[in-house]
Amino acid sequence: MAAMQEFLADFTLGKAEGRYLEGELPILPFEKNHFDLALCSHLLFLYSEQLSLEFHKQAISEICRVAKEVRIFPLLTLAGNKSVYLTDIENHLKSQGHKISIETVPYEFQRGGNEMMRIVTKKRI
């Protein structure tokens, strides 16, 4: 809650100063490797029933295009189950040359939802 309050208090000024940028998955308006780190929280995997596997593949590939490292949290659906897309997404990302790990984090918003996917993207030319 403290992080949310800090963000909300900063948003208007941060937007005016260009510290908050708009984009919409599955296509982002940023150059390749624009960011060192991209975080995706409470969207991908969480809405596996609402967003297709193809959307997940496109969205995550796009985030990997613009960031050198990507972290996605949580890996559960709204119903509290592991997303059925995890294996397909891992295989898809590995086929693109990315390094994938599933890591336990010290935060649990949903019961059992204390894991994130870390993707270290392949070196870009």
N, C-alpha and C. Protein backbone atom coordinates (compact mmCIF):
# COMPACT_ATOMS: atom_id res chain seq x y z
N MET A 1 0.83 -1.19 0.00
CA MET A 1 0.00 0.00 0.00
C MET A 1 0.87 1.26 0.00
N ALA A 2 1.99 1.20 0.74
CA ALA A 2 2.88 2.37 0.79
C ALA A 2 3.45 2.67 -0.59
N ALA A 3 3.83 1.63 -1.33
CA ALA A 3 4.38 1.83 -2.68
C ALA A 3 3.33 2.44 -3.60
N MET A 4 2.08 1.97 -3.48
CA MET A 4 1.00 2.52 -4.31
C MET A 4 0.77 4.00 -3.98
N GLN A 5 0.76 4.34 -2.70
CA GLN A 5 0.57 5.73 -2.30
C GLN A 5 1.70 6.62 -2.81
N GLU A 6 2.93 6.11 -2.73
CA GLU A 6 4.08 6.87 -3.22
C GLU A 6 3.97 7.11 -4.73
N PHE A 7 3.58 6.06 -5.46
CA PHE A 7 3.39 6.19 -6.91
C PHE A 7 2.31 7.22 -7.23
N LEU A 8 1.16 7.10 -6.58
CA LEU A 8 0.05 8.02 -6.86
C LEU A 8 0.42 9.46 -6.53
N ALA A 9 1.18 9.66 -5.46
CA ALA A 9 1.60 11.01 -5.09
C ALA A 9 2.57 11.59 -6.12
N ASP A 10 3.32 10.74 -6.78
CA ASP A 10 4.34 11.18 -7.74
C ASP A 10 3.85 11.22 -9.18
N PHE A 11 2.74 10.58 -9.47
CA PHE A 11 2.35 10.36 -10.86
C PHE A 11 2.20 11.63 -11.68
N THR A 12 1.49 12.62 -11.19
CA THR A 12 1.25 13.84 -11.98
C THR A 12 2.56 14.52 -12.35
N LEU A 13 3.42 14.73 -11.37
CA LEU A 13 4.71 15.36 -11.63
C LEU A 13 5.58 14.45 -12.51
N GLY A 14 5.61 13.17 -12.19
CA GLY A 14 6.42 12.24 -12.97
C GLY A 14 5.98 12.16 -14.41
N LYS A 15 4.70 12.20 -14.66
CA LYS A 15 4.17 12.20 -16.04
C LYS A 15 4.61 13.46 -16.78
N ALA A 16 4.51 14.61 -16.10
CA ALA A 16 4.91 15.89 -16.70
C ALA A 16 6.41 15.91 -17.01
N GLU A 17 7.19 15.27 -16.16
CA GLU A 17 8.65 15.24 -16.35
C GLU A 17 9.10 14.12 -17.29
N GLY A 18 8.17 13.30 -17.78
CA GLY A 18 8.51 12.23 -18.71
C GLY A 18 9.07 10.99 -18.05
N ARG A 19 8.85 10.82 -16.76
CA ARG A 19 9.33 9.62 -16.06
C ARG A 19 8.35 8.46 -16.17
N TYR A 20 7.13 8.72 -16.58
CA TYR A 20 6.13 7.68 -16.80
C TYR A 20 5.75 7.71 -18.28
N LEU A 21 5.94 6.60 -18.94
CA LEU A 21 5.71 6.50 -20.37
C LEU A 21 4.57 5.54 -20.64
N GLU A 22 3.78 5.84 -21.65
CA GLU A 22 2.64 4.99 -21.98
C GLU A 22 3.01 3.99 -23.06
N GLY A 23 2.44 2.83 -22.96
CA GLY A 23 2.58 1.79 -23.96
C GLY A 23 1.48 0.77 -23.73
N GLU A 24 1.24 -0.07 -24.73
CA GLU A 24 0.18 -1.06 -24.60
C GLU A 24 0.64 -2.36 -25.26
N LEU A 25 0.62 -3.41 -24.49
CA LEU A 25 0.98 -4.72 -25.03
C LEU A 25 -0.11 -5.21 -25.98
N PRO A 26 0.25 -5.88 -27.04
CA PRO A 26 1.50 -6.58 -27.26
C PRO A 26 2.53 -5.81 -28.08
N ILE A 27 2.32 -4.52 -28.35
CA ILE A 27 3.31 -3.74 -29.11
C ILE A 27 3.69 -2.52 -28.28
N LEU A 28 4.98 -2.36 -28.04
CA LEU A 28 5.46 -1.24 -27.23
C LEU A 28 6.21 -0.22 -28.10
N PRO A 29 6.07 1.07 -27.79
CA PRO A 29 6.67 2.13 -28.61
C PRO A 29 8.11 2.47 -28.20
N PHE A 30 8.93 1.45 -27.94
CA PHE A 30 10.29 1.69 -27.49
C PHE A 30 11.27 0.96 -28.39
N GLU A 31 12.50 1.48 -28.44
CA GLU A 31 13.55 0.86 -29.23
C GLU A 31 14.03 -0.43 -28.57
N LYS A 32 14.69 -1.25 -29.34
CA LYS A 32 15.29 -2.48 -28.85
C LYS A 32 16.25 -2.15 -27.71
N ASN A 33 16.21 -2.93 -26.63
CA ASN A 33 17.09 -2.76 -25.47
C ASN A 33 16.98 -1.37 -24.83
N HIS A 34 15.84 -0.75 -24.90
CA HIS A 34 15.65 0.59 -24.33
C HIS A 34 15.80 0.57 -22.81
N PHE A 35 15.41 -0.53 -22.19
CA PHE A 35 15.43 -0.63 -20.73
C PHE A 35 16.37 -1.74 -20.27
N ASP A 36 16.98 -1.55 -19.13
CA ASP A 36 17.77 -2.62 -18.52
C ASP A 36 16.86 -3.66 -17.89
N LEU A 37 15.75 -3.20 -17.30
CA LEU A 37 14.85 -4.09 -16.58
C LEU A 37 13.40 -3.69 -16.86
N ALA A 38 12.57 -4.69 -17.14
CA ALA A 38 11.12 -4.46 -17.29
C ALA A 38 10.40 -5.36 -16.30
N LEU A 39 9.44 -4.79 -15.61
CA LEU A 39 8.64 -5.53 -14.63
C LEU A 39 7.20 -5.60 -15.13
N CYS A 40 6.62 -6.76 -15.05
CA CYS A 40 5.21 -6.94 -15.40
C CYS A 40 4.53 -7.59 -14.20
N SER A 41 3.65 -6.85 -13.59
CA SER A 41 3.01 -7.33 -12.36
C SER A 41 1.50 -7.38 -12.53
N HIS A 42 0.94 -8.54 -12.20
CA HIS A 42 -0.51 -8.73 -12.14
C HIS A 42 -1.22 -8.46 -13.47
N LEU A 43 -0.63 -8.97 -14.55
CA LEU A 43 -1.29 -8.94 -15.85
C LEU A 43 -1.09 -10.28 -16.55
N LEU A 44 0.13 -10.51 -17.02
CA LEU A 44 0.41 -11.76 -17.72
C LEU A 44 0.36 -12.92 -16.74
N PHE A 45 -0.11 -14.04 -17.19
CA PHE A 45 -0.37 -15.27 -16.44
C PHE A 45 -1.58 -15.11 -15.52
N LEU A 46 -1.72 -14.00 -14.82
CA LEU A 46 -2.86 -13.81 -13.92
C LEU A 46 -4.17 -13.90 -14.71
N TYR A 47 -4.18 -13.35 -15.90
CA TYR A 47 -5.39 -13.34 -16.74
C TYR A 47 -5.29 -14.38 -17.87
N SER A 48 -4.83 -15.56 -17.54
CA SER A 48 -4.69 -16.62 -18.55
C SER A 48 -6.03 -17.01 -19.17
N GLU A 49 -7.11 -16.91 -18.42
CA GLU A 49 -8.41 -17.25 -18.99
C GLU A 49 -8.94 -16.16 -19.91
N GLN A 50 -8.51 -14.94 -19.69
CA GLN A 50 -8.99 -13.81 -20.48
C GLN A 50 -8.06 -13.48 -21.66
N LEU A 51 -6.77 -13.72 -21.50
CA LEU A 51 -5.78 -13.39 -22.53
C LEU A 51 -5.19 -14.69 -23.09
N SER A 52 -5.19 -14.83 -24.39
CA SER A 52 -4.80 -16.08 -25.04
C SER A 52 -3.30 -16.39 -24.90
N LEU A 53 -2.97 -17.63 -25.19
CA LEU A 53 -1.56 -18.03 -25.22
C LEU A 53 -0.81 -17.19 -26.25
N GLU A 54 -1.42 -16.97 -27.40
CA GLU A 54 -0.77 -16.17 -28.45
C GLU A 54 -0.50 -14.74 -27.96
N PHE A 55 -1.46 -14.15 -27.26
CA PHE A 55 -1.23 -12.81 -26.69
C PHE A 55 -0.05 -12.85 -25.73
N HIS A 56 0.00 -13.86 -24.86
CA HIS A 56 1.12 -13.98 -23.92
C HIS A 56 2.45 -14.08 -24.66
N LYS A 57 2.51 -14.92 -25.69
CA LYS A 57 3.74 -15.07 -26.46
C LYS A 57 4.17 -13.75 -27.08
N GLN A 58 3.23 -13.06 -27.71
CA GLN A 58 3.55 -11.79 -28.36
C GLN A 58 3.97 -10.74 -27.34
N ALA A 59 3.23 -10.65 -26.25
CA ALA A 59 3.50 -9.62 -25.24
C ALA A 59 4.85 -9.84 -24.58
N ILE A 60 5.14 -11.07 -24.19
CA ILE A 60 6.40 -11.35 -23.50
C ILE A 60 7.57 -11.21 -24.47
N SER A 61 7.41 -11.64 -25.70
CA SER A 61 8.47 -11.44 -26.70
C SER A 61 8.74 -9.96 -26.91
N GLU A 62 7.69 -9.16 -26.90
CA GLU A 62 7.85 -7.72 -27.08
C GLU A 62 8.56 -7.09 -25.88
N ILE A 63 8.20 -7.50 -24.68
CA ILE A 63 8.89 -6.98 -23.50
C ILE A 63 10.37 -7.37 -23.56
N CYS A 64 10.65 -8.59 -24.00
CA CYS A 64 12.04 -9.03 -24.13
C CYS A 64 12.79 -8.23 -25.19
N ARG A 65 12.09 -7.76 -26.18
CA ARG A 65 12.73 -6.94 -27.22
C ARG A 65 13.22 -5.62 -26.65
N VAL A 66 12.45 -5.03 -25.76
CA VAL A 66 12.78 -3.68 -25.27
C VAL A 66 13.58 -3.67 -23.97
N ALA A 67 13.75 -4.83 -23.32
CA ALA A 67 14.46 -4.86 -22.04
C ALA A 67 15.49 -6.00 -22.03
N LYS A 68 16.57 -5.76 -21.31
CA LYS A 68 17.62 -6.76 -21.19
C LYS A 68 17.25 -7.85 -20.19
N GLU A 69 16.42 -7.50 -19.22
CA GLU A 69 15.92 -8.48 -18.26
C GLU A 69 14.45 -8.19 -18.02
N VAL A 70 13.66 -9.25 -17.87
CA VAL A 70 12.22 -9.13 -17.67
C VAL A 70 11.84 -9.98 -16.46
N ARG A 71 10.98 -9.43 -15.62
CA ARG A 71 10.46 -10.18 -14.47
C ARG A 71 8.94 -10.10 -14.50
N ILE A 72 8.30 -11.27 -14.41
CA ILE A 72 6.84 -11.35 -14.45
C ILE A 72 6.35 -11.99 -13.16
N PHE A 73 5.36 -11.34 -12.54
CA PHE A 73 4.82 -11.80 -11.26
C PHE A 73 3.33 -11.48 -11.21
N PRO A 74 2.51 -12.33 -10.66
CA PRO A 74 2.73 -13.70 -10.22
C PRO A 74 2.57 -14.66 -11.38
N LEU A 75 2.75 -15.94 -11.11
CA LEU A 75 2.60 -16.97 -12.13
C LEU A 75 1.29 -17.73 -11.98
N LEU A 76 0.42 -17.21 -11.12
CA LEU A 76 -0.89 -17.81 -10.87
C LEU A 76 -1.98 -17.08 -11.65
N THR A 77 -3.07 -17.79 -11.87
CA THR A 77 -4.26 -17.18 -12.47
C THR A 77 -5.09 -16.52 -11.36
N LEU A 78 -6.15 -15.84 -11.76
CA LEU A 78 -7.06 -15.24 -10.78
C LEU A 78 -7.65 -16.29 -9.84
N ALA A 79 -7.80 -17.52 -10.33
CA ALA A 79 -8.35 -18.60 -9.52
C ALA A 79 -7.33 -19.18 -8.55
N GLY A 80 -6.07 -18.71 -8.63
CA GLY A 80 -5.05 -19.19 -7.71
C GLY A 80 -4.31 -20.43 -8.17
N ASN A 81 -4.47 -20.79 -9.45
CA ASN A 81 -3.78 -21.95 -10.02
C ASN A 81 -2.60 -21.49 -10.87
N LYS A 82 -1.59 -22.35 -10.98
CA LYS A 82 -0.49 -22.04 -11.90
C LYS A 82 -1.06 -21.90 -13.30
N SER A 83 -0.59 -20.91 -14.02
CA SER A 83 -1.07 -20.71 -15.39
C SER A 83 -0.73 -21.91 -16.26
N VAL A 84 -1.68 -22.32 -17.06
CA VAL A 84 -1.46 -23.43 -17.99
C VAL A 84 -0.49 -23.03 -19.10
N TYR A 85 -0.20 -21.74 -19.22
CA TYR A 85 0.70 -21.25 -20.27
C TYR A 85 2.18 -21.34 -19.90
N LEU A 86 2.51 -21.61 -18.65
CA LEU A 86 3.91 -21.52 -18.22
C LEU A 86 4.86 -22.35 -19.06
N THR A 87 4.57 -23.61 -19.26
CA THR A 87 5.47 -24.49 -20.01
C THR A 87 5.61 -24.02 -21.45
N ASP A 88 4.49 -23.69 -22.09
CA ASP A 88 4.54 -23.22 -23.48
C ASP A 88 5.35 -21.92 -23.59
N ILE A 89 5.17 -21.03 -22.65
CA ILE A 89 5.91 -19.76 -22.68
C ILE A 89 7.40 -20.00 -22.45
N GLU A 90 7.72 -20.84 -21.48
CA GLU A 90 9.14 -21.16 -21.25
C GLU A 90 9.78 -21.74 -22.51
N ASN A 91 9.12 -22.68 -23.14
CA ASN A 91 9.65 -23.29 -24.37
C ASN A 91 9.79 -22.26 -25.48
N HIS A 92 8.79 -21.40 -25.62
CA HIS A 92 8.82 -20.36 -26.64
C HIS A 92 10.01 -19.42 -26.42
N LEU A 93 10.20 -18.98 -25.19
CA LEU A 93 11.29 -18.05 -24.88
C LEU A 93 12.66 -18.70 -25.05
N LYS A 94 12.78 -19.95 -24.63
CA LYS A 94 14.05 -20.66 -24.80
C LYS A 94 14.37 -20.82 -26.28
N SER A 95 13.34 -21.05 -27.12
CA SER A 95 13.58 -21.19 -28.55
C SER A 95 14.06 -19.88 -29.17
N GLN A 96 13.78 -18.76 -28.50
CA GLN A 96 14.26 -17.45 -28.96
C GLN A 96 15.65 -17.13 -28.40
N GLY A 97 16.19 -18.03 -27.58
CA GLY A 97 17.53 -17.83 -27.05
C GLY A 97 17.61 -17.15 -25.69
N HIS A 98 16.48 -17.00 -25.02
CA HIS A 98 16.46 -16.35 -23.71
C HIS A 98 16.72 -17.36 -22.60
N LYS A 99 17.27 -16.87 -21.49
CA LYS A 99 17.49 -17.69 -20.30
C LYS A 99 16.33 -17.45 -19.34
N ILE A 100 15.68 -18.54 -18.91
CA ILE A 100 14.48 -18.45 -18.08
C ILE A 100 14.75 -19.09 -16.72
N SER A 101 14.27 -18.44 -15.67
CA SER A 101 14.28 -19.08 -14.35
C SER A 101 13.00 -18.70 -13.62
N ILE A 102 12.54 -19.62 -12.78
CA ILE A 102 11.40 -19.37 -11.91
C ILE A 102 11.98 -19.22 -10.51
N GLU A 103 11.72 -18.08 -9.88
CA GLU A 103 12.35 -17.78 -8.61
C GLU A 103 11.30 -17.45 -7.55
N THR A 104 11.58 -17.92 -6.35
CA THR A 104 10.72 -17.61 -5.20
C THR A 104 11.03 -16.20 -4.74
N VAL A 105 9.98 -15.46 -4.43
CA VAL A 105 10.13 -14.08 -3.94
C VAL A 105 9.52 -13.98 -2.54
N PRO A 106 9.94 -12.99 -1.76
CA PRO A 106 9.44 -12.89 -0.38
C PRO A 106 8.09 -12.17 -0.27
N TYR A 107 7.33 -12.16 -1.35
CA TYR A 107 6.04 -11.46 -1.36
C TYR A 107 4.99 -12.44 -1.84
N GLU A 108 3.85 -12.46 -1.18
CA GLU A 108 2.77 -13.37 -1.56
C GLU A 108 1.45 -12.63 -1.48
N PHE A 109 1.00 -12.11 -2.62
CA PHE A 109 -0.27 -11.41 -2.69
C PHE A 109 -1.42 -12.40 -2.67
N GLN A 110 -1.27 -13.47 -3.45
CA GLN A 110 -2.24 -14.57 -3.47
C GLN A 110 -1.61 -15.76 -2.74
N ARG A 111 -2.42 -16.57 -2.11
CA ARG A 111 -1.90 -17.77 -1.46
C ARG A 111 -1.18 -18.62 -2.49
N GLY A 112 0.08 -18.92 -2.23
CA GLY A 112 0.89 -19.72 -3.15
C GLY A 112 1.50 -18.93 -4.29
N GLY A 113 1.22 -17.65 -4.34
CA GLY A 113 1.70 -16.81 -5.44
C GLY A 113 2.98 -16.07 -5.08
N ASN A 114 4.01 -16.82 -4.79
CA ASN A 114 5.27 -16.20 -4.40
C ASN A 114 6.41 -16.54 -5.36
N GLU A 115 6.07 -16.72 -6.63
CA GLU A 115 7.09 -16.99 -7.64
C GLU A 115 6.99 -16.00 -8.79
N MET A 116 8.15 -15.72 -9.37
CA MET A 116 8.20 -14.87 -10.56
C MET A 116 9.03 -15.58 -11.62
N MET A 117 8.76 -15.19 -12.86
CA MET A 117 9.58 -15.65 -13.98
C MET A 117 10.60 -14.57 -14.26
N ARG A 118 11.87 -14.96 -14.29
CA ARG A 118 12.94 -14.04 -14.67
C ARG A 118 13.45 -14.46 -16.03
N ILE A 119 13.52 -13.50 -16.93
CA ILE A 119 13.98 -13.76 -18.29
C ILE A 119 15.18 -12.85 -18.53
N VAL A 120 16.32 -13.47 -18.79
CA VAL A 120 17.49 -12.70 -19.21
C VAL A 120 17.54 -12.85 -20.71
N THR A 121 17.35 -11.73 -21.39
CA THR A 121 17.20 -11.79 -22.85
C THR A 121 18.54 -12.03 -23.52
N LYS A 122 18.45 -12.66 -24.69
CA LYS A 122 19.68 -12.93 -25.44
C LYS A 122 20.30 -11.61 -25.87
N LYS A 123 21.58 -11.63 -26.06
CA LYS A 123 22.28 -10.40 -26.49
C LYS A 123 21.75 -9.99 -27.86
N ARG A 124 21.53 -8.71 -27.97
CA ARG A 124 21.02 -8.17 -29.25
C ARG A 124 22.15 -7.49 -30.01
N ILE A 125 22.10 -7.57 -31.29
CA ILE A 125 23.12 -6.91 -32.12
C ILE A 125 22.66 -5.49 -32.43
